[in-house]
Protein backbone atom coordinates (compact mmCIF):
# COMPACT_ATOMS: atom_id res chain seq x y z
CA MET A 1 -17.12 -14.87 6.19
CA VAL A 2 -13.00 -13.92 6.88
CA ASP A 3 -12.24 -10.51 7.93
CA SER A 4 -8.42 -10.27 5.79
CA LYS A 5 -7.92 -7.59 8.07
CA GLU A 6 -7.71 -9.94 10.86
CA LEU A 7 -5.31 -12.38 8.99
CA VAL A 8 -1.99 -12.84 10.26
CA LEU A 9 0.35 -15.90 8.80
CA VAL A 10 2.70 -17.56 11.67
CA PHE A 11 5.33 -18.86 10.70
CA ASP A 12 8.71 -20.59 12.25
CA ASP A 13 12.33 -20.93 11.14
CA SER A 14 11.38 -24.71 9.31
CA VAL A 15 9.08 -22.50 6.60
CA LYS A 16 10.86 -18.91 6.62
CA GLU A 17 12.25 -19.18 3.21
CA ARG A 18 9.38 -20.68 1.38
CA ILE A 19 7.70 -18.09 3.24
CA ILE A 20 10.17 -15.24 1.96
CA LYS A 21 10.09 -16.64 -1.83
CA SER A 22 6.22 -16.27 -1.07
CA LEU A 23 6.16 -12.80 -0.13
CA GLY A 24 8.18 -11.77 -3.86
CA PHE A 25 11.62 -11.45 -1.79
CA SER A 26 15.28 -14.08 -2.09
CA LEU A 27 17.83 -13.83 -0.12
CA ASN A 28 21.64 -12.27 -1.73
CA GLU A 29 24.89 -13.98 -0.51
CA LYS A 30 24.78 -12.19 2.83
CA GLU A 31 21.05 -13.36 3.51
CA GLU A 32 20.24 -10.27 3.22
CA LEU A 33 16.13 -9.95 1.79
CA MET A 34 15.82 -8.40 -1.86
CA ASP A 35 13.02 -7.45 -3.79
CA THR A 36 12.24 -8.99 -7.19
CA ARG A 37 14.62 -5.66 -8.87
CA GLY A 38 17.50 -7.03 -6.47
CA LYS A 39 17.37 -4.05 -3.96
CA ILE A 40 18.34 -4.62 -1.08
CA ALA A 41 14.11 -4.81 0.68
CA THR A 42 15.34 -2.32 4.32
CA SER A 43 12.77 -2.06 7.04
CA GLN A 44 11.51 1.26 8.63
CA ASP A 45 14.47 1.97 10.09
CA PHE A 46 16.49 1.90 6.59
CA LYS A 47 18.25 -1.48 7.60
CA PRO A 48 18.85 -4.19 6.14
CA ILE A 49 16.55 -7.40 7.21
CA TYR A 50 18.44 -10.55 7.58
CA SER A 51 17.22 -14.08 6.78
CA LYS A 52 17.72 -15.14 10.33
CA GLU A 53 15.82 -12.45 12.02
CA PHE A 54 12.37 -11.45 9.52
CA GLY A 55 9.78 -11.69 11.39
CA GLY A 56 6.74 -11.29 8.74
CA LEU A 57 5.60 -7.77 6.99
CA LEU A 58 3.87 -4.49 8.04
CA ARG A 59 0.03 -5.21 7.40
CA GLY A 60 -0.67 -3.32 3.62
CA SER A 61 2.85 -2.66 3.18
CA LYS A 62 6.28 -4.68 1.77
CA ILE A 63 8.01 -3.37 4.66
CA PRO A 64 10.25 -6.19 6.42
CA ILE A 65 9.77 -6.84 10.10
CA ARG A 66 12.26 -7.49 12.24
CA LYS A 67 10.96 -10.98 14.28
CA LYS A 68 12.54 -9.07 18.08
CA GLU A 69 9.52 -9.27 20.59
CA SER A 70 10.10 -5.04 20.82
CA GLU A 71 8.92 -4.60 16.97
CA LEU A 72 6.88 -7.47 16.86
CA VAL A 73 4.41 -5.44 19.68
CA LYS A 74 5.20 -2.36 18.69
CA TYR A 75 3.29 -2.87 14.95
CA PHE A 76 1.04 -5.32 16.63
CA LEU A 77 0.31 -2.45 18.78
CA LEU A 78 -0.21 0.17 16.08
CA GLU A 79 -2.52 -2.37 13.68
CA ARG A 80 -4.89 -2.37 16.91
CA SER A 81 -5.15 1.57 17.57
């Protein structure tokens, strides 16, 4: 049996648009992530996330994170502590 708390989805740019769509987001003309209500999705710092910088979602939420190493490591370490 697999513990769902330990599942992590890893993806590259070739499938990014499909991942974004499957998570319930779309892109506007500026390539910003939008939720199903057309509202621009923001990170925890309340800045919009663009398609080119999308790195995933915070576990258990709909808050997108950037694919910058510093941001990914910070959230990974928070999840493990």
